[in-house]
Amino acid sequence: MTDHRIDRPAEDGELCTCGRQAAFIVAAGVLGIVGWCGQLDGDREGPCPFCGHRRHQGKCPQYQLRPDA
């Protein structure tokens, strides 16, 4: 994720697009407002944590910043 603006620290339960707990909530260009865990590579092993299918190039269509909301 590049060219992002950090908007605020993440709250408990807010997730990165890789499925990890987010450290920050950011404005990430075409991805929109998303959580960011702080790892540039992300977790690319296994299925997508949001839809269960193969990993997406960008953000999963089923991604939710806070899934329990």
N, C-alpha and C. Protein backbone atom coordinates (compact mmCIF):
# COMPACT_ATOMS: atom_id res chain seq x y z
N MET A 1 0.87 -1.17 0.00
CA MET A 1 0.00 0.00 0.00
C MET A 1 0.91 1.23 0.00
N THR A 2 0.77 2.06 -0.98
CA THR A 2 1.61 3.25 -1.05
C THR A 2 0.75 4.49 -1.17
N ASP A 3 1.38 5.65 -0.98
CA ASP A 3 0.68 6.93 -1.09
C ASP A 3 -0.57 6.98 -0.22
N HIS A 4 -0.43 6.50 1.01
CA HIS A 4 -1.58 6.55 1.90
C HIS A 4 -1.41 7.68 2.92
N ARG A 5 -2.52 8.17 3.38
CA ARG A 5 -2.54 9.21 4.40
C ARG A 5 -3.11 8.58 5.66
N ILE A 6 -2.37 8.66 6.75
CA ILE A 6 -2.87 8.10 8.00
C ILE A 6 -3.88 9.05 8.60
N ASP A 7 -5.09 8.57 8.76
CA ASP A 7 -6.17 9.39 9.29
C ASP A 7 -6.27 9.30 10.80
N ARG A 8 -6.09 8.07 11.35
CA ARG A 8 -6.20 7.91 12.80
C ARG A 8 -5.70 6.52 13.20
N PRO A 9 -5.38 6.34 14.48
CA PRO A 9 -5.06 4.99 14.96
C PRO A 9 -6.30 4.10 14.87
N ALA A 10 -6.08 2.84 14.61
CA ALA A 10 -7.20 1.89 14.53
C ALA A 10 -7.70 1.55 15.93
N GLU A 11 -8.95 1.19 15.99
CA GLU A 11 -9.56 0.72 17.23
C GLU A 11 -9.59 -0.80 17.21
N ASP A 12 -9.77 -1.42 18.37
CA ASP A 12 -9.87 -2.88 18.43
C ASP A 12 -10.97 -3.37 17.50
N GLY A 13 -10.67 -4.42 16.74
CA GLY A 13 -11.65 -5.01 15.83
C GLY A 13 -11.62 -4.44 14.43
N GLU A 14 -10.87 -3.36 14.18
CA GLU A 14 -10.75 -2.82 12.83
C GLU A 14 -9.63 -3.56 12.12
N LEU A 15 -9.92 -4.06 10.93
CA LEU A 15 -8.99 -4.96 10.24
C LEU A 15 -8.30 -4.32 9.05
N CYS A 16 -7.10 -4.83 8.79
CA CYS A 16 -6.35 -4.52 7.58
C CYS A 16 -6.97 -5.31 6.43
N THR A 17 -6.69 -4.95 5.21
CA THR A 17 -7.20 -5.69 4.05
C THR A 17 -6.61 -7.10 3.98
N CYS A 18 -5.52 -7.37 4.72
CA CYS A 18 -4.94 -8.71 4.75
C CYS A 18 -5.59 -9.59 5.81
N GLY A 19 -6.44 -9.00 6.66
CA GLY A 19 -7.13 -9.76 7.69
C GLY A 19 -6.58 -9.57 9.09
N ARG A 20 -5.39 -8.98 9.22
CA ARG A 20 -4.81 -8.73 10.54
C ARG A 20 -5.49 -7.53 11.20
N GLN A 21 -5.32 -7.43 12.53
CA GLN A 21 -5.75 -6.24 13.25
C GLN A 21 -5.04 -5.04 12.65
N ALA A 22 -5.77 -3.99 12.33
CA ALA A 22 -5.18 -2.77 11.77
C ALA A 22 -4.47 -1.97 12.85
N ALA A 23 -3.41 -1.30 12.47
CA ALA A 23 -2.71 -0.37 13.35
C ALA A 23 -3.21 1.05 13.11
N PHE A 24 -3.53 1.34 11.86
CA PHE A 24 -3.99 2.67 11.46
C PHE A 24 -5.15 2.53 10.48
N ILE A 25 -5.97 3.56 10.42
CA ILE A 25 -7.01 3.67 9.40
C ILE A 25 -6.51 4.72 8.43
N VAL A 26 -6.47 4.36 7.15
CA VAL A 26 -5.83 5.21 6.15
C VAL A 26 -6.73 5.44 4.94
N ALA A 27 -6.47 6.53 4.24
CA ALA A 27 -7.06 6.79 2.93
C ALA A 27 -6.05 6.26 1.92
N ALA A 28 -6.40 5.20 1.21
CA ALA A 28 -5.45 4.49 0.37
C ALA A 28 -5.80 4.56 -1.11
N GLY A 29 -5.93 5.74 -1.64
CA GLY A 29 -6.18 5.91 -3.07
C GLY A 29 -7.41 5.18 -3.54
N VAL A 30 -7.26 4.32 -4.54
CA VAL A 30 -8.40 3.63 -5.14
C VAL A 30 -9.05 2.63 -4.18
N LEU A 31 -8.33 2.21 -3.14
CA LEU A 31 -8.91 1.27 -2.18
C LEU A 31 -9.91 1.94 -1.25
N GLY A 32 -9.81 3.25 -1.11
CA GLY A 32 -10.70 3.99 -0.21
C GLY A 32 -10.16 3.99 1.21
N ILE A 33 -11.05 4.09 2.18
CA ILE A 33 -10.67 4.09 3.59
C ILE A 33 -10.56 2.64 4.04
N VAL A 34 -9.37 2.25 4.47
CA VAL A 34 -9.12 0.86 4.88
C VAL A 34 -8.24 0.85 6.12
N GLY A 35 -8.20 -0.30 6.76
CA GLY A 35 -7.26 -0.53 7.85
C GLY A 35 -5.92 -0.92 7.28
N TRP A 36 -4.86 -0.59 8.01
CA TRP A 36 -3.50 -0.95 7.58
C TRP A 36 -2.75 -1.49 8.79
N CYS A 37 -2.20 -2.69 8.67
CA CYS A 37 -1.52 -3.35 9.78
C CYS A 37 -0.08 -2.88 9.94
N GLY A 38 0.44 -2.18 8.97
CA GLY A 38 1.82 -1.70 9.03
C GLY A 38 2.80 -2.57 8.26
N GLN A 39 2.34 -3.66 7.70
CA GLN A 39 3.21 -4.54 6.92
C GLN A 39 2.92 -4.32 5.44
N LEU A 40 3.92 -3.91 4.70
CA LEU A 40 3.72 -3.60 3.28
C LEU A 40 3.40 -4.82 2.43
N ASP A 41 3.92 -5.98 2.82
CA ASP A 41 3.69 -7.17 2.00
C ASP A 41 2.33 -7.81 2.26
N GLY A 42 1.79 -7.67 3.45
CA GLY A 42 0.52 -8.31 3.78
C GLY A 42 0.66 -9.81 3.85
N ASP A 43 -0.33 -10.47 4.33
CA ASP A 43 -0.36 -11.92 4.43
C ASP A 43 -0.96 -12.46 3.15
N ARG A 44 -0.15 -13.02 2.30
CA ARG A 44 -0.63 -13.50 1.00
C ARG A 44 -0.73 -15.02 0.94
N GLU A 45 -0.62 -15.69 2.08
CA GLU A 45 -0.75 -17.15 2.11
C GLU A 45 -2.20 -17.50 2.41
N GLY A 46 -2.67 -18.56 1.80
CA GLY A 46 -4.01 -19.04 2.07
C GLY A 46 -5.09 -18.22 1.40
N PRO A 47 -6.34 -18.56 1.69
CA PRO A 47 -7.47 -17.87 1.05
C PRO A 47 -7.69 -16.48 1.62
N CYS A 48 -8.45 -15.69 0.92
CA CYS A 48 -8.84 -14.36 1.37
C CYS A 48 -9.60 -14.50 2.69
N PRO A 49 -9.26 -13.71 3.72
CA PRO A 49 -9.95 -13.84 5.00
C PRO A 49 -11.39 -13.31 5.00
N PHE A 50 -11.79 -12.63 3.93
CA PHE A 50 -13.12 -12.03 3.88
C PHE A 50 -14.11 -12.83 3.04
N CYS A 51 -13.65 -13.41 1.94
CA CYS A 51 -14.58 -14.16 1.08
C CYS A 51 -14.24 -15.64 1.00
N GLY A 52 -13.03 -16.03 1.45
CA GLY A 52 -12.64 -17.43 1.43
C GLY A 52 -12.09 -17.93 0.12
N HIS A 53 -12.04 -17.08 -0.90
CA HIS A 53 -11.51 -17.47 -2.21
C HIS A 53 -10.05 -17.03 -2.32
N ARG A 54 -9.49 -17.12 -3.50
CA ARG A 54 -8.10 -16.71 -3.69
C ARG A 54 -7.93 -15.22 -3.43
N ARG A 55 -6.72 -14.83 -3.11
CA ARG A 55 -6.41 -13.44 -2.76
C ARG A 55 -6.69 -12.50 -3.91
N HIS A 56 -7.05 -11.27 -3.60
CA HIS A 56 -7.39 -10.25 -4.59
C HIS A 56 -6.20 -9.33 -4.82
N GLN A 57 -6.12 -8.74 -6.00
CA GLN A 57 -5.07 -7.75 -6.30
C GLN A 57 -5.25 -6.51 -5.43
N GLY A 58 -6.44 -6.08 -5.26
CA GLY A 58 -6.74 -4.92 -4.44
C GLY A 58 -7.48 -5.36 -3.19
N LYS A 59 -8.56 -4.68 -2.91
CA LYS A 59 -9.38 -4.97 -1.73
C LYS A 59 -10.48 -5.95 -2.12
N CYS A 60 -10.72 -6.93 -1.27
CA CYS A 60 -11.80 -7.88 -1.49
C CYS A 60 -13.13 -7.13 -1.50
N PRO A 61 -14.04 -7.46 -2.41
CA PRO A 61 -15.34 -6.81 -2.43
C PRO A 61 -16.13 -7.00 -1.12
N GLN A 62 -15.80 -8.06 -0.36
CA GLN A 62 -16.48 -8.33 0.90
C GLN A 62 -15.74 -7.75 2.11
N TYR A 63 -14.62 -7.05 1.88
CA TYR A 63 -13.85 -6.46 2.98
C TYR A 63 -14.72 -5.48 3.76
N GLN A 64 -14.66 -5.57 5.08
CA GLN A 64 -15.29 -4.62 5.97
C GLN A 64 -14.26 -4.20 6.99
N LEU A 65 -14.16 -2.91 7.22
CA LEU A 65 -13.19 -2.38 8.19
C LEU A 65 -13.44 -3.00 9.57
N ARG A 66 -14.70 -3.08 9.95
CA ARG A 66 -15.08 -3.68 11.23
C ARG A 66 -16.19 -4.69 10.93
N PRO A 67 -15.81 -5.98 10.73
CA PRO A 67 -16.78 -6.99 10.32
C PRO A 67 -17.98 -7.14 11.25
N ASP A 68 -17.83 -6.85 12.53
CA ASP A 68 -18.93 -7.05 13.47
C ASP A 68 -19.92 -5.88 13.47
N ALA A 69 -19.66 -4.86 12.65
CA ALA A 69 -20.54 -3.68 12.64
C ALA A 69 -21.76 -3.92 11.78
